[in-house]
Structure formats: structure tokens, C-alpha cells
Amino acid sequence: MFLDPYHTQTGSRVRISAQQASDFAKRIAGDFNPIHDADARRFCVPGDLLFALVLSRFGLSQRMDFHFRSMVGDGTPLSLEESDSGQVEVKDDEGKQYLAVGRSGAENHDAVAIEAFTRCYVAFSGKNFPHVLKPLLEDQGVMFNPKRPLVIYDSMGFSLERTDLTGPTLELVDSRLEVNGKRGDVKLEFRIVDRGEVVGSGSKKLVVSGLSEYDPAAMEAIVAEFYRLKAAYESAQEA
């Protein structure tokens, strides 16, 4: 299973180490957000890894909605539980909820289809910065704190006409940023294509905190550092 290197199953609990989470972010998602670095002071597990584990465990449903309630830290014991109504939640031993998932419609439990959809969504999601966020921030004349960039996954959802996917891809349809003081809400709309046919649509919401006036030089430095880290990581993987 392609997710095996990125979590550890102990009994009924799942643990994700900071290194496992960081490897998933960089290797699978191409996500170099510093909050996912293993040694980050404010480290958190990528929401996309929780998303992937839920699909792997419970399958792909025609309609799914994911609501991220809190950030998961290094090695937190997690339970993935399904209610009688079919809803799923990810929580710790104290009952703190990190992710709530609503789902309905036909289900597909084929591992190949689930992995294909997971990989295409995570790859799409990993392109949030700089590809999508930078131009949105620039247009609004705001940016996050370059010393402590904080972009948080709030929610996502999608609806599929069918779940027997073989070669799915996601395409960005629309993106917008609503600024409210020092907080910004980013909404991304996408369509899901399989074998050249549009088979579904979805949306994703991000929250950007600590907004201040846009600084072109500071943003260019952040983007340059992103590509430097990406190149260094890829070079190390090839060595």
C-alpha cells in the first residue's frame, strides 16, 4: 500500500511521525509548506495525509465532505471511526476531533481506483503555493508573514457522477480570496476528469492568517526559497 511509509498502525490506533508527515508532503504532494517540516516549531500533519488515510480505510464515495477541526501533531495516536450513519471522524484518545467526514452515494473500495484518485487530488492540492496563492495575494495587495507563513486547510468536498475511476485528473476552474482584516479565506473550485470525461466537481477552502501589506521582494524571496527547497529535496532523493 502506497501509504504504508507515511503512518504506523499500532492496534486500532494510527500514529504519524513528523518525519513520515514531512516525507508525504514533499514526496507525494510536492508541498514544501514549512509547517510540515519535521523540525518545524509549529509542525502539523498535512491534511491531505488524513484525507488519504480516510479514503484508504473507508473507500471512495460519490459525495464526500471533509472538515478539518484541528491540527495533528507529531506522533498523536489517532482513531478513524465510522458511525452508524456512515460518517467518519478522526480523533485522539481524549476525544479531540481533528477531521469530520460526511459521505453519501455509491462507494468504491478498489485499491487501484482509490490510489489513483488520492494521488491526483493530493498533487493538485500541493500546487496551492505558489501557483495559486501568490497571484491571489498579489491581486488583493496582501501577503502572509514571511517569517511565519501560516496557511491552514479548512475544508474540501466533491461530488462524482461515478466512482470507477482509472485515470482521474483535477483541473482548477476558479479561485478567489476574501480578505477580512488579517485573515483571508481562499476558495478553490475544481472539476474532476477521467478518461477525457468530466465526472465530477469539488471545492476547497484554505485560511491564510497574519495578513499584511503585499511586499513583492519578500514574496519573491519566499517563492525562491520554495523552489530551492524543492530542488534540494529532489536532488537528495536521486542521489
Protein backbone atom coordinates (compact mmCIF):
# COMPACT_ATOMS: atom_id res chain seq x y z
CA MET A 1 0.00 0.00 0.00
CA PHE A 2 1.49 3.32 -1.04
CA LEU A 3 0.56 4.99 2.28
CA ASP A 4 2.45 2.45 4.43
CA PRO A 5 5.64 4.57 4.70
CA TYR A 6 3.67 7.58 5.94
CA HIS A 7 1.94 6.19 9.04
CA THR A 8 2.27 3.46 11.64
CA GLN A 9 -0.62 1.22 12.65
CA THR A 10 -0.50 0.02 16.27
CA GLY A 11 -3.56 -1.97 17.21
CA SER A 12 -6.56 0.22 16.42
CA ARG A 13 -4.53 3.43 16.50
CA VAL A 14 -2.69 5.28 13.75
CA ARG A 15 0.38 7.37 14.50
CA ILE A 16 2.07 9.75 12.09
CA SER A 17 5.55 10.89 12.98
CA ALA A 18 6.81 14.32 11.97
CA GLN A 19 9.24 12.68 9.55
CA GLN A 20 6.55 10.50 7.97
CA ALA A 21 4.30 13.53 7.54
CA SER A 22 7.11 15.62 6.08
CA ASP A 23 8.04 12.87 3.62
CA PHE A 24 4.43 12.58 2.47
CA ALA A 25 4.11 16.34 1.99
CA LYS A 26 7.25 16.58 -0.10
CA ARG A 27 7.29 13.24 -1.90
CA ILE A 28 3.60 12.74 -2.69
CA ALA A 29 2.14 16.25 -2.63
CA GLY A 30 5.13 18.35 -3.68
CA ASP A 31 4.20 20.55 -0.69
CA PHE A 32 7.07 22.48 0.88
CA ASN A 33 5.00 24.48 3.36
CA PRO A 34 7.41 24.92 6.32
CA ILE A 35 4.65 23.94 8.76
CA HIS A 36 5.13 20.35 7.52
CA ASP A 37 8.89 20.28 8.09
CA ALA A 38 9.80 17.61 10.64
CA ASP A 39 11.67 20.12 12.82
CA ALA A 40 9.14 22.98 12.49
CA ARG A 41 8.23 24.66 15.78
CA ARG A 42 4.57 24.77 14.73
CA PHE A 43 4.63 21.41 12.91
CA CYS A 44 1.38 19.78 11.84
CA VAL A 45 0.47 16.70 9.81
CA PRO A 46 -0.73 17.60 6.28
CA GLY A 47 -4.50 17.49 5.97
CA ASP A 48 -4.04 15.66 2.69
CA LEU A 49 -2.45 12.74 4.53
CA LEU A 50 -5.51 12.44 6.80
CA PHE A 51 -7.67 12.67 3.66
CA ALA A 52 -5.67 9.86 2.06
CA LEU A 53 -5.91 7.61 5.12
CA VAL A 54 -9.68 8.04 5.30
CA LEU A 55 -10.10 7.08 1.63
CA SER A 56 -7.79 4.11 2.08
CA ARG A 57 -9.72 2.86 5.12
CA PHE A 58 -13.33 3.62 4.17
CA GLY A 59 -13.30 3.84 0.38
CA LEU A 60 -14.27 6.47 -2.18
CA SER A 61 -17.87 7.70 -2.03
CA GLN A 62 -19.72 9.67 -4.69
CA ARG A 63 -20.14 12.63 -2.37
CA MET A 64 -17.68 13.45 0.38
CA ASP A 65 -17.11 16.49 2.58
CA PHE A 66 -14.04 16.92 4.78
CA HIS A 67 -13.94 19.44 7.64
CA PHE A 68 -10.61 19.91 9.37
CA ARG A 69 -11.17 20.82 13.03
CA SER A 70 -7.65 20.98 14.45
CA MET A 71 -4.01 20.38 13.59
CA VAL A 72 -2.43 16.97 14.31
CA GLY A 73 0.97 16.99 15.99
CA ASP A 74 3.91 14.60 15.90
CA GLY A 75 3.00 11.04 16.86
CA THR A 76 -0.51 11.75 18.13
CA PRO A 77 -2.44 8.45 18.49
CA LEU A 78 -5.45 8.70 16.19
CA SER A 79 -8.57 6.60 15.76
CA LEU A 80 -10.50 6.57 12.49
CA GLU A 81 -14.09 5.72 13.36
CA GLU A 82 -17.26 5.23 11.32
CA SER A 83 -20.66 6.00 12.83
CA ASP A 84 -23.84 4.02 12.21
CA SER A 85 -24.83 6.67 9.64
CA GLY A 86 -21.60 6.12 7.71
CA GLN A 87 -19.93 9.36 8.74
CA VAL A 88 -16.26 9.25 9.68
CA GLU A 89 -14.23 11.11 12.27
CA VAL A 90 -10.56 11.21 13.15
CA LYS A 91 -9.91 11.86 16.83
CA ASP A 92 -7.38 11.23 19.59
CA ASP A 93 -7.69 9.23 22.81
CA GLU A 94 -9.09 12.25 24.66
CA GLY A 95 -11.89 12.57 22.13
CA LYS A 96 -10.49 15.66 20.41
CA GLN A 97 -11.72 15.72 16.82
CA TYR A 98 -9.29 16.56 14.02
CA LEU A 99 -11.32 15.67 10.95
CA ALA A 100 -15.02 15.08 10.30
CA VAL A 101 -16.09 13.43 7.04
CA GLY A 102 -19.59 13.29 5.59
CA ARG A 103 -20.22 10.86 2.76
CA SER A 104 -23.10 9.50 0.72
CA GLY A 105 -23.87 7.74 -2.54
CA ALA A 106 -22.23 4.76 -4.20
CA GLU A 107 -18.90 3.55 -2.83
CA ASN A 108 -15.79 2.13 -4.46
CA HIS A 109 -13.34 0.09 -2.37
CA ASP A 110 -10.99 -0.84 -5.21
CA ALA A 111 -7.47 -0.01 -4.03
CA VAL A 112 -6.25 0.96 -7.52
CA ALA A 113 -9.07 3.46 -8.10
CA ILE A 114 -8.69 4.91 -4.60
CA GLU A 115 -4.94 5.38 -5.00
CA ALA A 116 -5.40 7.00 -8.43
CA PHE A 117 -7.90 9.50 -7.06
CA THR A 118 -5.87 10.16 -3.92
CA ARG A 119 -2.69 10.83 -5.87
CA CYS A 120 -4.38 13.17 -8.37
CA TYR A 121 -6.12 15.16 -5.62
CA VAL A 122 -3.03 15.43 -3.44
CA ALA A 123 -0.90 16.51 -6.41
CA PHE A 124 -3.49 19.18 -7.23
CA SER A 125 -3.64 20.29 -3.61
CA GLY A 126 0.15 20.50 -3.35
CA LYS A 127 0.17 23.22 -6.02
CA ASN A 128 -1.66 25.72 -3.80
CA PHE A 129 1.56 27.66 -3.31
CA PRO A 130 3.00 29.39 -5.20
CA HIS A 131 0.94 28.54 -8.29
CA VAL A 132 -2.48 29.66 -6.99
CA LEU A 133 -1.94 31.60 -3.77
CA LYS A 134 0.74 34.01 -4.97
CA PRO A 135 -1.34 35.68 -7.72
CA LEU A 136 -4.41 35.81 -5.45
CA LEU A 137 -2.46 37.54 -2.69
CA GLU A 138 -0.81 39.89 -5.16
CA ASP A 139 -4.16 40.89 -6.65
CA GLN A 140 -5.53 41.74 -3.21
CA GLY A 141 -2.36 43.55 -2.13
CA VAL A 142 -1.81 41.34 0.92
CA MET A 143 0.55 38.57 2.00
CA PHE A 144 1.27 36.31 4.95
CA ASN A 145 4.10 36.88 7.40
CA PRO A 146 7.27 35.82 5.50
CA LYS A 147 8.88 34.69 8.77
CA ARG A 148 5.89 32.62 9.88
CA PRO A 149 3.70 31.79 6.87
CA LEU A 150 0.52 30.15 8.07
CA VAL A 151 -1.86 28.60 5.53
CA ILE A 152 -4.40 26.26 7.11
CA TYR A 153 -6.59 23.63 5.43
CA ASP A 154 -10.21 24.36 6.41
CA SER A 155 -12.41 22.07 4.31
CA MET A 156 -12.95 20.37 0.98
CA GLY A 157 -15.67 18.44 -0.75
CA PHE A 158 -16.50 16.80 -4.04
CA SER A 159 -19.28 15.09 -5.94
CA LEU A 160 -18.75 12.35 -8.54
CA GLU A 161 -21.09 11.00 -11.20
CA ARG A 162 -19.30 7.67 -10.91
CA THR A 163 -16.51 6.19 -8.80
CA ASP A 164 -14.97 3.65 -11.23
CA LEU A 165 -12.05 5.95 -11.97
CA THR A 166 -8.98 4.77 -13.90
CA GLY A 167 -7.03 7.90 -14.83
CA PRO A 168 -8.51 10.85 -12.92
CA THR A 169 -7.11 14.36 -13.00
CA LEU A 170 -8.19 17.57 -11.31
CA GLU A 171 -8.44 20.90 -13.10
CA LEU A 172 -8.73 24.30 -11.42
CA VAL A 173 -11.89 26.11 -12.54
CA ASP A 174 -11.94 29.18 -10.30
CA SER A 175 -10.04 30.69 -7.38
CA ARG A 176 -10.78 33.66 -5.17
CA LEU A 177 -9.57 35.29 -1.97
CA GLU A 178 -11.77 37.15 0.51
CA VAL A 179 -9.84 39.37 2.92
CA ASN A 180 -11.17 40.21 6.37
CA GLY A 181 -8.57 42.15 8.33
CA LYS A 182 -5.57 39.93 8.94
CA ARG A 183 -7.36 36.80 7.78
CA GLY A 184 -8.02 35.62 4.26
CA ASP A 185 -10.33 32.85 3.04
CA VAL A 186 -9.25 31.16 -0.18
CA LYS A 187 -11.84 29.21 -2.17
CA LEU A 188 -10.75 26.92 -4.99
CA GLU A 189 -13.22 25.31 -7.39
CA PHE A 190 -12.17 22.31 -9.46
CA ARG A 191 -13.54 19.72 -11.84
CA ILE A 192 -12.66 16.04 -11.92
CA VAL A 193 -11.88 14.47 -15.30
CA ASP A 194 -11.48 10.77 -16.06
CA ARG A 195 -10.60 9.35 -19.47
CA GLY A 196 -11.33 12.73 -21.05
CA GLU A 197 -14.80 12.98 -19.48
CA VAL A 198 -15.84 15.41 -16.75
CA VAL A 199 -17.11 13.14 -13.98
CA GLY A 200 -17.39 15.48 -11.03
CA SER A 201 -16.61 18.75 -9.32
CA GLY A 202 -15.44 20.00 -5.97
CA SER A 203 -14.14 22.87 -3.89
CA LYS A 204 -11.50 23.52 -1.26
CA LYS A 205 -11.18 26.23 1.37
CA LEU A 206 -7.94 27.49 2.90
CA VAL A 207 -7.40 30.07 5.63
CA VAL A 208 -4.42 32.43 5.43
CA SER A 209 -3.54 34.13 8.72
CA GLY A 210 -1.40 37.10 9.71
CA LEU A 211 -2.01 39.12 6.55
CA SER A 212 -0.12 42.35 5.96
CA GLU A 213 0.61 44.62 3.02
CA TYR A 214 1.99 42.84 -0.04
CA ASP A 215 5.78 43.11 -0.37
CA PRO A 216 6.97 41.99 -3.85
CA ALA A 217 10.58 41.49 -2.75
CA ALA A 218 9.59 39.46 0.30
CA MET A 219 7.22 37.31 -1.76
CA GLU A 220 9.84 36.66 -4.42
CA ALA A 221 12.24 35.57 -1.70
CA ILE A 222 9.63 33.13 -0.35
CA VAL A 223 8.99 31.70 -3.82
CA ALA A 224 12.73 31.39 -4.48
CA GLU A 225 13.17 29.55 -1.19
CA PHE A 226 10.29 27.22 -2.09
CA TYR A 227 11.96 26.22 -5.34
CA ARG A 228 15.37 25.95 -3.65
CA LEU A 229 13.98 23.52 -1.07
CA LYS A 230 12.14 21.57 -3.77
CA ALA A 231 15.28 21.23 -5.90
CA ALA A 232 17.42 20.25 -2.91
CA TYR A 233 14.92 17.60 -1.83
CA GLU A 234 14.59 16.13 -5.32
CA SER A 235 18.36 16.09 -5.73
CA ALA A 236 18.75 14.25 -2.44
CA GLN A 237 16.16 11.68 -3.48
CA GLU A 238 18.00 11.00 -6.71
CA ALA A 239 21.39 10.60 -5.00
